[in-house]
Protein backbone atom coordinates (compact mmCIF):
# COMPACT_ATOMS: atom_id res chain seq x y z
CA MET A 1 -28.87 24.13 -4.02
CA ALA A 2 -25.77 24.39 -6.30
CA THR A 3 -25.77 26.75 -8.96
CA ALA A 4 -23.69 27.64 -12.17
CA PRO A 5 -20.27 28.60 -11.37
CA THR A 6 -19.70 32.18 -10.16
CA GLN A 7 -16.89 34.38 -11.23
CA SER A 8 -15.96 35.61 -7.60
CA PRO A 9 -17.41 34.58 -4.30
CA ARG A 10 -20.74 36.00 -3.21
CA TYR A 11 -19.48 35.56 0.52
CA GLU A 12 -15.80 35.73 1.35
CA ALA A 13 -14.60 34.06 4.46
CA HIS A 14 -15.52 36.71 6.77
CA GLU A 15 -19.04 37.21 5.58
CA HIS A 16 -22.05 35.34 6.54
CA PRO A 17 -24.82 33.92 4.55
CA SER A 18 -28.23 33.39 6.30
CA LEU A 19 -28.40 30.34 8.64
CA PRO A 20 -30.73 28.31 6.37
CA ALA A 21 -28.50 28.91 3.30
CA SER A 22 -25.41 27.91 5.31
CA LEU A 23 -27.24 24.62 6.54
CA GLY A 24 -28.32 23.65 3.13
CA TYR A 25 -24.91 24.07 1.42
CA GLY A 26 -23.32 22.47 4.49
CA ALA A 27 -25.82 19.30 4.04
CA GLN A 28 -25.09 19.11 0.36
CA PHE A 29 -21.39 19.15 0.74
CA SER A 30 -21.52 16.71 3.72
CA LEU A 31 -23.76 14.43 1.64
CA ILE A 32 -21.43 14.01 -1.20
CA ALA A 33 -18.47 14.12 0.93
CA SER A 34 -19.55 11.29 3.46
CA ALA A 35 -20.13 8.70 0.77
CA THR A 36 -16.80 8.94 -0.64
CA LEU A 37 -15.05 9.75 2.78
CA LEU A 38 -15.69 6.29 4.26
CA VAL A 39 -14.54 4.24 1.28
CA THR A 40 -10.98 4.71 2.58
CA PRO A 41 -11.58 3.14 6.13
CA VAL A 42 -13.91 0.50 4.77
CA VAL A 43 -11.46 -0.68 2.22
CA VAL A 44 -8.55 -0.75 4.48
CA ALA A 45 -10.34 -2.60 7.29
CA THR A 46 -11.79 -5.06 4.59
CA ALA A 47 -8.68 -5.65 2.62
CA SER A 48 -6.57 -6.16 5.75
CA GLU A 49 -9.35 -8.64 7.27
CA SER A 50 -9.11 -6.31 10.64
CA GLY A 51 -12.62 -7.70 11.53
CA GLU A 52 -16.09 -6.03 11.86
CA ALA A 53 -15.51 -4.51 15.14
CA TYR A 54 -12.29 -2.38 13.75
CA LEU A 55 -14.34 -1.53 10.64
CA VAL A 56 -17.20 -0.10 12.53
CA TRP A 57 -14.90 1.83 14.87
CA SER A 58 -12.79 2.90 12.07
CA VAL A 59 -15.87 4.46 10.18
CA PHE A 60 -16.94 6.23 13.37
CA ALA A 61 -13.49 7.70 14.47
CA SER A 62 -12.94 8.86 10.72
CA LEU A 63 -16.27 10.94 10.78
CA VAL A 64 -15.62 12.29 14.27
CA VAL A 65 -11.93 13.40 13.38
CA VAL A 66 -12.75 14.76 10.01
CA GLY A 67 -15.70 16.78 11.58
CA VAL A 68 -13.46 18.09 14.54
CA SER A 69 -10.54 18.96 12.25
CA THR A 70 -12.50 20.56 9.74
CA ILE A 71 -13.82 22.85 12.36
CA LEU A 72 -10.25 23.32 13.70
CA GLN A 73 -9.19 24.43 10.14
CA VAL A 74 -11.76 27.06 10.05
CA ARG A 75 -11.43 28.20 13.71
CA ARG A 76 -7.58 28.38 13.61
CA VAL A 77 -6.10 27.64 17.20
CA GLY A 78 -2.64 29.16 17.37
CA PHE A 79 -0.84 28.32 14.15
CA VAL A 80 -2.95 25.45 13.40
CA GLY A 81 -5.62 26.05 11.11
CA SER A 82 -6.01 28.02 8.06
CA GLY A 83 -8.92 30.27 8.92
CA ALA A 84 -10.69 29.32 5.84
CA VAL A 85 -13.04 26.62 4.57
CA LEU A 86 -10.85 23.57 3.97
CA PRO A 87 -12.74 20.42 5.09
CA MET A 88 -10.72 17.50 5.79
CA PHE A 89 -11.20 14.13 4.11
CA THR A 90 -9.88 10.54 4.58
CA ALA A 91 -6.95 10.15 2.20
CA ALA A 92 -7.60 7.44 -0.28
CA PHE A 93 -4.03 7.40 -1.48
CA ALA A 94 -3.03 6.30 1.91
CA ILE A 95 -4.98 2.87 1.39
CA PRO A 96 -2.10 0.73 0.33
CA PHE A 97 0.16 1.95 3.36
CA CYS A 98 -2.60 1.48 5.96
CA ILE A 99 -3.59 -2.08 4.56
CA THR A 100 0.02 -3.24 4.68
CA ALA A 101 0.44 -1.60 8.38
CA LEU A 102 -2.72 -3.60 9.54
CA GLU A 103 -1.72 -6.85 7.96
CA GLU A 104 1.80 -6.59 9.24
CA GLY A 105 1.28 -5.20 12.77
CA GLY A 106 -2.39 -4.40 13.28
CA PRO A 107 -3.83 -1.22 14.70
CA ALA A 108 -1.07 -1.02 17.29
CA THR A 109 1.37 -0.50 14.21
CA LEU A 110 -0.85 1.76 11.98
CA ALA A 111 -1.38 4.19 15.09
CA PRO A 112 1.97 5.42 15.62
CA LEU A 113 2.79 5.40 11.96
CA VAL A 114 -0.11 7.80 11.45
CA VAL A 115 1.27 10.02 14.21
CA VAL A 116 4.72 9.99 12.71
CA SER A 117 3.32 11.31 9.48
CA ALA A 118 1.35 14.05 11.33
CA ALA A 119 4.55 14.93 12.90
CA VAL A 120 6.23 15.47 9.40
CA GLN A 121 3.26 17.65 8.54
CA LEU A 122 3.61 19.83 11.55
CA VAL A 123 7.52 20.08 10.78
CA VAL A 124 6.90 20.96 7.09
CA SER A 125 4.22 23.64 8.14
CA ARG A 126 6.75 25.41 10.51
CA ARG A 127 9.62 25.21 8.09
CA LEU A 128 7.73 25.70 4.77
CA PHE A 129 10.13 28.35 3.54
CA LEU A 130 13.28 26.30 4.28
CA LEU A 131 12.09 23.23 2.55
CA ARG A 132 10.74 25.06 -0.57
CA ARG A 133 13.59 23.69 -2.81
CA VAL A 134 12.87 20.07 -1.68
CA VAL A 135 9.14 20.11 -1.35
CA THR A 136 8.79 21.27 -4.93
CA PRO A 137 6.01 20.87 -7.45
CA VAL A 138 8.13 18.32 -9.33
CA VAL A 139 8.73 16.10 -6.24
CA GLY A 140 5.13 16.50 -5.12
CA GLY A 141 3.63 15.81 -8.73
CA THR A 142 5.86 12.84 -9.19
CA VAL A 143 5.02 11.17 -5.84
CA VAL A 144 1.37 11.70 -6.62
CA MET A 145 1.74 10.14 -9.96
CA ILE A 146 3.44 7.20 -8.09
CA LEU A 147 0.44 7.03 -5.88
CA SER A 148 -1.58 5.94 -8.71
CA ILE A 149 0.34 2.85 -9.16
CA THR A 150 0.17 1.74 -5.57
CA LEU A 151 -3.56 2.51 -5.45
CA ALA A 152 -4.01 0.41 -8.58
CA SER A 153 -2.40 -2.62 -7.08
CA VAL A 154 -5.35 -2.22 -4.26
CA VAL A 155 -8.02 -1.92 -6.82
CA PHE A 156 -6.74 -5.01 -8.60
CA ALA A 157 -6.81 -6.94 -5.22
CA ILE A 158 -10.47 -5.85 -4.43
CA LEU A 159 -11.65 -6.98 -8.01
CA ASP A 160 -9.52 -10.11 -7.81
CA ASP A 161 -11.37 -11.14 -4.40
CA ALA A 162 -14.70 -10.27 -5.65
CA THR A 163 -14.61 -12.09 -8.76
CA LEU A 164 -13.65 -15.33 -6.92
CA VAL A 165 -17.08 -15.36 -5.36
CA ALA A 166 -19.14 -13.90 -8.25
CA PRO A 167 -17.10 -13.06 -11.24
CA GLU A 168 -19.74 -11.72 -13.54
CA GLU A 169 -21.57 -9.88 -11.07
CA ALA A 170 -18.51 -8.35 -9.58
CA SER A 171 -17.16 -7.44 -12.96
CA LEU A 172 -20.40 -5.98 -14.21
CA THR A 173 -21.00 -3.62 -10.89
CA ALA A 174 -17.43 -2.47 -10.94
CA LEU A 175 -17.98 -1.43 -14.83
CA VAL A 176 -21.23 0.26 -14.21
CA THR A 177 -20.01 2.25 -11.29
CA MET A 178 -16.91 3.46 -13.28
CA VAL A 179 -19.10 3.97 -16.46
CA VAL A 180 -21.59 6.16 -14.62
CA ALA A 181 -19.04 8.19 -12.67
CA ALA A 182 -16.73 8.78 -15.58
CA ALA A 183 -19.60 9.80 -18.04
CA LEU A 184 -21.00 12.59 -15.45
CA MET A 185 -17.26 13.70 -14.68
CA LEU A 186 -16.21 14.00 -18.21
CA ARG A 187 -19.20 15.51 -19.96
CA GLY A 188 -21.62 16.60 -17.26
CA SER A 189 -22.33 20.21 -16.31
CA ALA A 190 -20.25 21.69 -13.33
CA LEU A 191 -23.19 20.46 -11.14
CA LEU A 192 -23.15 16.99 -12.50
CA ARG A 193 -19.45 16.51 -12.44
CA PHE A 194 -19.51 17.59 -8.72
CA TRP A 195 -21.92 14.84 -8.16
CA GLY A 196 -20.48 12.19 -10.43
CA PRO A 197 -18.57 10.15 -7.96
CA LEU A 198 -21.57 9.96 -5.56
CA ALA A 199 -23.87 8.89 -8.62
CA GLY A 200 -21.72 6.32 -9.58
CA ILE A 201 -21.42 4.72 -6.23
CA VAL A 202 -25.28 4.85 -5.77
CA VAL A 203 -25.91 3.27 -9.05
CA GLY A 204 -23.27 0.67 -8.32
CA CYS A 205 -25.15 -0.16 -5.12
CA VAL A 206 -28.40 -0.50 -7.10
CA VAL A 207 -27.01 -2.75 -9.42
CA SER A 208 -25.02 -4.97 -6.87
CA GLY A 209 -28.35 -5.28 -5.10
CA ALA A 210 -30.14 -6.22 -8.21
CA LEU A 211 -27.43 -8.91 -8.64
CA GLY A 212 -27.74 -10.04 -5.32
CA ILE A 213 -24.16 -9.18 -4.02
CA PHE A 214 -25.03 -6.38 -1.69
CA GLU A 215 -24.86 -7.61 2.01
CA THR A 216 -27.27 -5.71 4.31
CA GLY A 217 -26.94 -7.50 7.55
CA ARG A 218 -24.61 -4.90 9.10
CA ILE A 219 -27.27 -2.43 8.09
CA ALA A 220 -30.11 -4.19 9.75
CA ARG A 221 -28.17 -4.74 13.03
CA ALA A 222 -27.21 -0.99 13.53
CA SER A 223 -29.09 1.20 15.59
CA TRP A 224 -30.34 4.42 14.57
CA VAL A 225 -28.58 6.47 17.32
CA GLY A 226 -25.73 5.49 19.47
CA LEU A 227 -22.01 4.84 19.70
CA PRO A 228 -20.29 2.37 17.40
CA GLY A 229 -19.31 -0.07 20.22
CA GLN A 230 -15.86 -0.79 21.97
CA HIS A 231 -13.05 1.24 21.43
CA PRO A 232 -9.99 -0.89 20.28
CA PRO A 233 -7.32 -1.21 22.92
CA LEU A 234 -4.78 1.85 22.95
CA GLU A 235 -1.75 -0.18 22.15
CA VAL A 236 1.60 0.70 20.45
CA ASP A 237 3.78 -1.73 18.62
CA LEU A 238 7.20 -0.18 17.61
CA GLY A 239 8.48 -3.59 16.24
CA LEU A 240 9.96 -4.51 13.04
CA SER A 241 6.89 -3.86 11.13
CA PHE A 242 6.90 -0.29 12.45
CA TRP A 243 10.51 0.31 11.50
CA THR A 244 10.15 -1.17 7.94
CA LEU A 245 6.98 0.99 7.15
CA LEU A 246 8.45 4.19 8.77
CA PRO A 247 10.19 5.37 5.56
CA ALA A 248 6.67 4.86 3.60
CA PHE A 249 4.73 6.85 6.24
CA PHE A 250 7.26 9.53 6.34
CA PHE A 251 6.63 10.05 2.65
CA LEU A 252 2.96 9.90 3.22
CA GLY A 253 3.55 12.73 5.45
CA VAL A 254 5.26 14.87 2.93
CA ILE A 255 2.43 13.92 0.36
CA ILE A 256 -0.25 15.12 2.76
CA ALA A 257 1.52 18.34 3.35
CA ILE A 258 2.14 18.88 -0.37
CA GLN A 259 -1.33 18.29 -0.93
CA ALA A 260 -2.63 20.77 1.76
CA ASN A 261 -0.18 23.32 0.47
CA GLY A 262 -1.89 23.07 -3.09
CA ALA A 263 -5.32 22.92 -1.70
CA ALA A 264 -4.78 25.88 0.48
CA ILE A 265 -3.44 28.12 -2.54
CA ALA A 266 -6.24 26.97 -4.98
CA MET A 267 -8.87 27.88 -2.29
CA GLN A 268 -7.27 31.21 -1.69
CA ARG A 269 -7.50 31.88 -5.64
CA VAL A 270 -11.34 31.19 -5.67
CA ALA A 271 -12.37 32.41 -2.15
CA TRP A 272 -11.41 36.21 -2.91
CA ARG A 273 -13.08 38.69 -5.02
CA ASP A 274 -9.88 40.64 -5.76
CA ASN A 275 -6.65 39.30 -7.20
CA ARG A 276 -4.35 38.94 -4.15
CA ALA A 277 -0.97 37.40 -3.73
CA ILE A 278 -1.17 34.16 -1.89
CA ASP A 279 -0.86 34.30 1.81
CA PHE A 280 1.79 31.72 2.99
CA ARG A 281 0.75 32.20 6.32
CA GLN A 282 -2.49 31.03 5.95
CA VAL A 283 -0.92 27.84 3.91
CA GLN A 284 1.20 27.16 6.83
CA GLY A 285 -1.96 27.14 8.86
CA ALA A 286 -3.72 24.66 6.51
CA VAL A 287 -0.65 22.35 6.51
CA ALA A 288 -0.50 22.35 10.33
CA GLY A 289 -4.24 21.79 10.42
CA ALA A 290 -3.74 18.55 8.22
CA GLY A 291 -0.95 17.63 10.82
CA ALA A 292 -3.42 18.00 13.82
CA SER A 293 -5.96 16.07 11.95
CA ASN A 294 -3.65 13.20 11.51
CA LEU A 295 -2.42 13.31 14.93
CA LEU A 296 -6.13 12.69 16.09
CA ALA A 297 -6.43 10.10 13.50
CA GLY A 298 -3.32 8.27 14.93
CA PHE A 299 -4.63 8.46 18.53
CA ALA A 300 -8.15 7.21 17.53
CA GLY A 301 -6.55 4.36 15.58
CA THR A 302 -8.08 5.28 11.95
CA VAL A 303 -6.92 6.27 8.65
CA PRO A 304 -4.88 9.40 7.68
CA ASN A 305 -6.69 12.42 6.40
CA ALA A 306 -5.91 15.07 3.72
CA ILE A 307 -7.79 18.35 2.71
CA ASN A 308 -10.83 17.54 0.43
CA PRO A 309 -10.04 18.92 -3.01
CA ALA A 310 -13.62 19.21 -3.96
CA ILE A 311 -14.12 22.35 -1.90
CA VAL A 312 -12.51 24.26 -4.47
CA SER A 313 -15.18 23.29 -7.25
CA PHE A 314 -17.80 23.71 -4.77
CA THR A 315 -16.80 27.12 -3.92
CA GLN A 316 -16.73 28.20 -7.59
CA MET A 317 -20.22 26.69 -8.28
CA THR A 318 -21.92 28.28 -4.95
CA GLY A 319 -19.94 31.32 -4.49
CA VAL A 320 -19.85 30.54 -0.78
CA ALA A 321 -16.48 30.77 0.93
CA SER A 322 -17.89 31.60 4.41
CA ARG A 323 -16.41 30.06 7.49
CA ARG A 324 -20.02 29.52 8.63
CA LEU A 325 -19.91 26.71 5.81
CA GLY A 326 -17.03 25.08 7.36
CA TYR A 327 -18.58 25.10 10.83
CA THR A 328 -21.83 23.55 9.33
CA ILE A 329 -20.15 20.83 7.39
CA GLY A 330 -17.68 19.89 10.44
CA ALA A 331 -21.02 19.61 12.83
CA ILE A 332 -22.83 17.52 10.30
CA LEU A 333 -20.28 15.06 9.86
CA ILE A 334 -19.70 14.77 13.61
CA THR A 335 -23.50 14.26 13.94
CA LEU A 336 -23.40 11.56 11.26
CA ALA A 337 -20.80 9.64 13.49
CA PHE A 338 -23.58 9.00 16.14
CA LEU A 339 -26.00 7.74 13.46
CA PRO A 340 -24.73 3.99 13.34
CA LYS A 341 -27.50 3.10 10.55
CA VAL A 342 -26.24 5.75 8.21
CA SER A 343 -22.64 4.63 8.78
CA ALA A 344 -23.59 0.94 8.46
CA LEU A 345 -25.21 1.74 5.28
CA ILE A 346 -22.14 3.50 3.78
CA SER A 347 -19.76 0.94 4.97
CA SER A 348 -21.63 -1.82 3.47
CA ILE A 349 -20.88 -0.68 -0.04
CA PRO A 350 -19.74 -3.77 -1.93
CA GLY A 351 -16.20 -4.37 -2.84
CA PRO A 352 -16.71 -3.99 -6.73
CA VAL A 353 -18.47 -0.49 -6.13
CA MET A 354 -15.52 0.55 -4.37
CA ALA A 355 -13.18 -0.80 -6.94
CA GLY A 356 -15.03 1.12 -9.62
CA TYR A 357 -14.96 4.21 -7.86
CA LEU A 358 -11.19 3.92 -6.85
CA ILE A 359 -10.36 3.17 -10.70
CA MET A 360 -11.55 6.94 -11.42
CA VAL A 361 -9.56 8.20 -8.23
CA THR A 362 -6.53 6.23 -9.45
CA GLY A 363 -6.69 8.07 -13.04
CA THR A 364 -7.35 11.27 -11.37
CA LEU A 365 -4.45 11.03 -9.28
CA PHE A 366 -2.14 10.42 -12.27
CA VAL A 367 -3.58 13.42 -13.98
CA ASP A 368 -3.42 15.77 -11.03
CA GLY A 369 0.33 14.79 -10.59
CA ALA A 370 1.16 15.44 -14.19
CA GLN A 371 -0.63 18.94 -14.18
CA THR A 372 1.23 19.78 -11.01
CA ILE A 373 4.55 19.06 -12.66
CA LEU A 374 3.78 20.64 -16.11
CA GLY A 375 1.90 23.71 -14.66
CA ASN A 376 4.65 24.79 -12.29
CA GLU A 377 7.94 23.73 -14.11
CA GLN A 378 9.55 25.00 -17.17
CA ASN A 379 12.89 23.15 -16.81
CA ARG A 380 13.01 20.19 -19.22
CA GLU A 381 15.56 18.41 -16.85
CA LYS A 382 13.17 18.47 -13.78
CA VAL A 383 10.19 17.45 -15.89
CA ALA A 384 12.20 14.42 -17.18
CA VAL A 385 13.07 13.49 -13.59
CA ALA A 386 9.19 12.82 -13.05
CA GLY A 387 9.09 10.57 -16.05
CA VAL A 388 12.11 8.50 -14.91
CA CYS A 389 11.21 8.23 -11.37
CA PHE A 390 7.59 7.21 -12.26
CA TRP A 391 8.88 4.33 -14.10
CA ILE A 392 11.47 3.39 -11.40
CA ALA A 393 8.56 3.20 -8.87
CA ALA A 394 6.46 0.99 -11.33
CA ALA A 395 9.53 -1.27 -11.72
CA PHE A 396 9.89 -1.76 -7.98
CA GLN A 397 6.14 -1.91 -7.38
CA PHE A 398 5.37 -4.60 -9.67
CA LYS A 399 8.67 -6.51 -8.73
CA LEU A 400 10.30 -6.37 -12.26
CA PHE A 401 13.86 -6.67 -10.67
CA THR A 402 15.07 -9.87 -9.16
CA LEU A 403 16.65 -8.52 -6.03
CA PRO A 404 18.84 -10.24 -3.51
CA ASP A 405 17.95 -10.84 0.01
CA LEU A 406 18.61 -7.47 1.48
CA GLY A 407 16.98 -8.01 4.92
CA PRO A 408 13.60 -7.33 6.17
CA VAL A 409 14.21 -3.35 6.26
CA TRP A 410 15.67 -2.99 3.08
CA GLY A 411 13.49 -5.35 1.36
CA ALA A 412 10.29 -3.59 2.63
CA LEU A 413 11.92 -0.33 1.12
CA LEU A 414 12.55 -1.51 -2.33
CA LYS A 415 9.46 -3.50 -2.75
CA SER A 416 7.43 -0.06 -2.15
CA GLY A 417 6.96 2.00 -5.21
CA ILE A 418 6.34 5.17 -3.31
CA THR A 419 9.61 4.89 -1.06
CA THR A 420 12.00 4.13 -4.18
CA GLY A 421 10.27 6.70 -6.53
CA GLY A 422 9.95 9.18 -4.04
CA LEU A 423 13.68 8.88 -2.76
CA ALA A 424 14.76 8.91 -6.57
CA ALA A 425 12.88 12.32 -7.13
CA ILE A 426 14.24 13.88 -4.20
CA VAL A 427 17.91 12.95 -5.02
CA MET A 428 17.56 13.68 -8.67
CA VAL A 429 15.97 17.20 -7.93
CA LEU A 430 18.86 17.93 -5.35
CA TYR A 431 21.49 16.81 -7.86
CA LEU A 432 20.21 19.17 -10.32
CA GLU A 433 19.99 22.09 -7.65
CA LEU A 434 23.58 21.34 -6.68
CA THR A 435 25.00 21.15 -10.20
CA ASN A 436 23.55 24.51 -11.17
CA PRO A 437 25.77 27.62 -11.58
CA ARG A 438 26.53 28.27 -7.86
CA ARG A 439 24.22 30.68 -6.12
CA MET A 440 26.09 33.79 -4.39
CA ARG A 441 25.09 34.41 -0.72
CA PHE A 442 25.00 37.47 1.32
CA SER A 443 23.75 38.14 4.73
CA SER A 444 23.81 40.88 7.35
CA ARG A 445 21.59 42.20 10.03
CA LEU A 446 18.56 43.45 8.44
CA HIS A 447 19.13 47.23 8.74
CA ILE A 448 19.49 50.06 6.22
CA ASP A 449 23.01 50.56 7.14
CA ALA A 450 23.67 47.17 5.26
CA LEU A 451 23.00 48.79 1.79
CA SER A 452 26.87 49.79 1.26
CA GLU A 453 27.80 46.03 1.86
CA LEU A 454 24.92 44.84 -0.12
CA ASN A 455 25.87 46.91 -3.15
CA GLU A 456 29.48 45.69 -3.03
CA PHE A 457 28.00 42.14 -3.17
CA ILE A 458 25.72 43.02 -6.17
CA ASN A 459 28.68 44.45 -7.92
CA THR A 460 30.68 41.12 -7.42
CA PHE A 461 27.65 39.03 -8.58
CA ALA A 462 27.61 41.25 -11.70
CA ARG A 463 31.27 41.05 -12.70
CA ARG A 464 31.40 37.44 -12.06
CA ARG A 465 28.53 36.81 -14.51
CA GLY A 466 30.31 39.31 -17.05
CA TRP A 467 27.54 41.78 -17.25
CA ASP A 468 27.84 45.32 -18.29
CA GLN A 469 27.61 48.31 -16.21
CA ALA A 470 23.95 49.24 -17.08
CA MET A 471 22.76 45.55 -15.73
CA GLU A 472 24.98 46.16 -12.67
CA GLU A 473 23.27 49.69 -11.97
CA ARG A 474 20.08 47.91 -12.50
CA LEU A 475 20.68 45.34 -9.88
CA ARG A 476 22.04 47.60 -7.27
CA ALA A 477 18.79 49.68 -8.02
CA VAL A 478 16.48 46.75 -7.37
CA ALA A 479 18.73 45.62 -4.34
CA GLU A 480 18.29 49.11 -2.68
CA GLU A 481 14.66 49.48 -3.23
CA THR A 482 13.88 45.96 -1.99
CA LEU A 483 16.01 46.69 1.13
CA LEU A 484 14.11 49.86 1.89
CA VAL A 485 10.85 47.82 1.81
CA LEU A 486 12.14 45.10 4.04
CA ALA A 487 13.78 47.79 6.38
CA PRO A 488 11.83 50.80 5.91
CA ILE A 489 12.56 54.45 7.16
CA ASP A 490 9.95 57.01 7.99
CA LEU A 491 9.39 60.40 6.37
CA ALA A 492 12.00 62.07 8.77
CA GLY A 493 14.82 59.85 7.49
CA GLU A 494 14.83 57.80 11.08
CA GLU A 495 14.81 54.19 10.92
CA GLN A 496 11.43 52.55 12.52
CA GLU A 497 12.45 51.15 15.61
CA ALA A 498 11.36 47.82 16.58
CA GLU A 499 11.27 45.55 19.49
CA GLU A 500 14.61 44.06 20.56
CA GLY A 501 13.85 40.69 19.12
CA VAL A 502 12.81 41.77 15.77
CA ALA A 503 15.59 44.42 15.56
CA GLN A 504 17.88 41.66 15.34
CA ARG A 505 16.55 39.91 12.27
CA GLN A 506 18.70 38.74 9.62
CA LEU A 507 18.78 39.72 5.81
CA VAL A 508 19.95 36.87 3.48
CA VAL A 509 20.29 37.58 -0.16
CA LEU A 510 20.67 34.52 -2.77
CA ALA A 511 21.71 35.77 -6.12
CA SER A 512 21.61 33.32 -9.08
CA SER A 513 21.44 33.59 -12.96
CA GLU A 514 19.64 31.93 -15.92
CA GLY A 515 21.63 33.11 -19.10
CA ALA A 516 21.53 36.79 -18.95
CA VAL A 517 18.49 37.06 -16.54
CA ALA A 518 19.39 37.64 -12.69
CA ASP A 519 17.17 36.15 -9.72
CA LEU A 520 17.44 38.13 -6.54
CA GLU A 521 16.04 36.17 -3.56
CA PHE A 522 15.58 38.44 -0.33
CA ILE A 523 14.85 36.60 2.97
CA GLY A 524 14.17 38.63 5.88
CA GLY A 525 11.31 40.40 7.84
CA GLY A 526 8.73 42.83 6.60
CA ASP A 527 5.48 44.32 7.44
CA GLU A 528 1.93 43.28 7.33
CA SER A 529 1.39 44.48 3.75
CA ASN A 530 2.26 42.59 0.68
CA LEU A 531 4.86 44.07 -1.81
CA GLU A 532 3.28 42.02 -4.83
CA ASP A 533 -0.10 43.50 -4.10
CA GLN A 534 1.11 46.95 -3.60
CA ILE A 535 2.80 46.76 -6.86
CA ARG A 536 -0.41 45.36 -8.64
CA GLN A 537 -2.39 48.35 -6.85
CA LEU A 538 -0.09 50.70 -8.64
CA GLN A 539 -0.52 49.19 -11.87
CA GLN A 540 -4.16 49.59 -11.69
CA HIS A 541 -3.94 53.53 -10.93
CA ASP A 542 -1.15 54.35 -13.26
CA THR A 543 -2.62 57.56 -14.09
CA GLU A 544 -2.53 58.89 -10.52
CA GLU A 545 0.72 60.68 -9.06
CA PRO A 546 2.13 58.15 -6.41
CA ALA A 547 2.68 59.19 -2.77
CA GLU A 548 6.15 59.71 -1.63
CA HIS A 549 6.13 56.64 0.40
CA GLU A 550 5.28 54.69 -2.92
CA LEU A 551 8.41 55.88 -4.78
CA SER A 552 10.34 52.75 -3.85
CA LEU A 553 7.49 50.73 -5.15
CA VAL A 554 7.33 52.69 -8.46
CA LEU A 555 11.28 52.43 -8.94
CA LEU A 556 11.23 48.61 -8.19
CA ARG A 557 8.35 48.02 -10.63
CA SER A 558 10.31 49.83 -13.37
CA TYR A 559 13.59 47.92 -12.86
CA ALA A 560 12.22 44.42 -12.27
CA SER A 561 10.54 42.33 -14.86
CA SER A 562 8.71 40.28 -11.92
CA VAL A 563 8.38 40.47 -8.14
CA ARG A 564 6.97 37.76 -6.04
CA HIS A 565 6.32 38.33 -2.31
CA GLN A 566 5.92 35.04 -0.12
CA GLN A 567 4.98 35.92 3.57
CA TYR A 568 5.47 33.27 6.16
CA HIS A 569 5.37 33.37 9.89
CA ASP A 570 8.30 35.49 10.98
CA THR A 571 9.81 35.48 7.34
CA ASP A 572 9.20 37.22 4.09
CA ILE A 573 10.61 36.19 0.76
CA ILE A 574 11.05 38.73 -1.98
CA THR A 575 12.07 37.05 -5.43
CA VAL A 576 12.78 39.70 -7.83
CA ARG A 577 13.78 38.79 -11.50
CA VAL A 578 15.90 41.32 -13.34
CA VAL A 579 16.45 41.37 -17.23
CA PRO A 580 19.13 43.40 -18.88
CA PRO A 581 18.00 46.94 -19.98
CA GLY A 582 16.36 46.94 -23.42
CA ASP A 583 15.23 43.32 -23.05
CA ARG A 584 11.81 44.01 -21.51
C-alpha cells in the first residue's frame, strides 16, 4: 500500500485514517518488521547455545513485549510514552552483549542486566536536560560506530560456525542475502529500499533451501495457534558475571536512550505538516517508553529493545503518522506471538542468511554514527574525538594490546570495545568542555525583579570578554526580553501570579563565548508556547503590525542571530546567540 514519498503527512498523530487503511498500513509495516525483529533473539539464543526451549520463549516474549510497548509509546501513560507512532524493535546492536551474558551466566544474568539498562533509560528521560552535555551527538555517534565493530565480531563467528558444516553453501547463501539487500537499499526506489532487508532474507532462505541447509523441523513441530511452552525459571544471578558485564549494559542503556532521542526527533520532523520546534517533552516520553519496554524485556528474560528507525521512512512514504497506525502495529505483533507456526518459520532462518543481513546492519550502524557526528558537530576537536575513540575501541575489541592480568572485572572491561571506546569518548568530551573558556553563571529566583541583577551579570560578562559598549547593550537587551518571556507580566504591568510551587522556580543563566560571538543559555520555567515557534510565525507575517504582547519577540528577534527553545518537563532552556552589531 505504500506510495511515493509525500512532502507532508496526510494524517497527523491526532487524525484518523479509515479502519481498513489503518489495518493495511499496520499489516505492511508489521510484516516487514517481524522478519528482522526476530533475528536478534534467534541469533542470541543460537550463538550462546541456550537451547531450543529458550529460543522459542525468547521469540514469543520479544513479540509480546515489542507489541505492548509499541502501544505504550502511542498511548502515553504518565511520563512514559511519546504519544506518537514509534514502534519498538529488538536491538540488533545489543547482540554481542546478550550473547556474552547468556554464555557467562545464562538468562538469570541477562535479565537483571537488561533491567539495569532500562533503569538507565528511565533516569536519562527524566534528566535529559541535565545530561545534554554528556549525552552529546559526538558521544552517541561514536558509540554507534563502535557498535559496528562489536556486531561484526558476532557476524564473523556465525559465518565461521556455518562454514565448518557447509563452507560453500553457507558462503553463497550469505553473499546472496547481502547482495540482494544491498542492491535494493542502494539503488531501489523509496519503496524498494524499504523492503530491501526483508527481500534479502526471503531470497537468502530460498537459496539456503535449494542448497539443503534450511532446517524445517521446528516449523513442522509447531502448532498454528497456542502458547510457546514453559516460561524459563524467574531467577536472578548477581554473581561475578553480572558485575563484570554491568558497565557494558550501562552503556547499552545510554545507547538506547540516545537512539530513542534521535528517533523521536526525526519522527517529529516528518509527522507534522508545519515547521515546528522540537517538543523535547515528547522526546523525554519516547526515551521513557524505551526504558519501560526494556523493563518488560528484562522481566520476561528476553533481549533489549530500541525504537524501530524504519518508521520514519515509512511515514514519509505513506504520509500516515496517525496514532491509530501505532495501535494497529502493536496489536498485530502481539497476535503473531500466539501463532507458533509463524514464529517457528522466522526463528528457523539459517545462520548464513542472518549473517548476510547483519553485514548490512553493521555497515548501516557505522554510517549512522558518522552522520550523527558530522551532522551535529562543527567543532574539529570533538570530531577528532570520534575517530580516536573508534580505533581505541577496535584495538581492545580485537586484542591488539597484550595486557597483564588485571583480574576478572577489569579484564572483562578492557576486552570490550564498547566500554573502552565509550568511556574514552566521554572522558575526552568532558576534558574539552572543562578546558574551554570558563562559562559564567548567574542564578536567582525566576522573577521580573531579577532584571537589575541580571544586567549587572551581563555587564561583567561583556567586560571580561573585552567587548565594546554596543555589544554590551545588545546583550542586556537580549537578557531583558528573554527574562520577560520566562517570567511574563500582564498588560496592567502586574506579574502573573502562579501557584506557590511554580513561583519559587529558579532562573539560571550560563554565558559563554566563541570568539566575538556570545551564547546565553537561560534555564527556567516558561508557559506552554514555544518561543522558537512564535518567532518563526512573526517572520512569516513581517508585513503585519505586531500586537503589544509580541513586542518582546520582535525585539529579541532583531537583537539575536538565533534563538532555540527546548521545552522539557518542568524546565525550559532558551539558547540565544548574539553577534556584534554590524556582523549580521
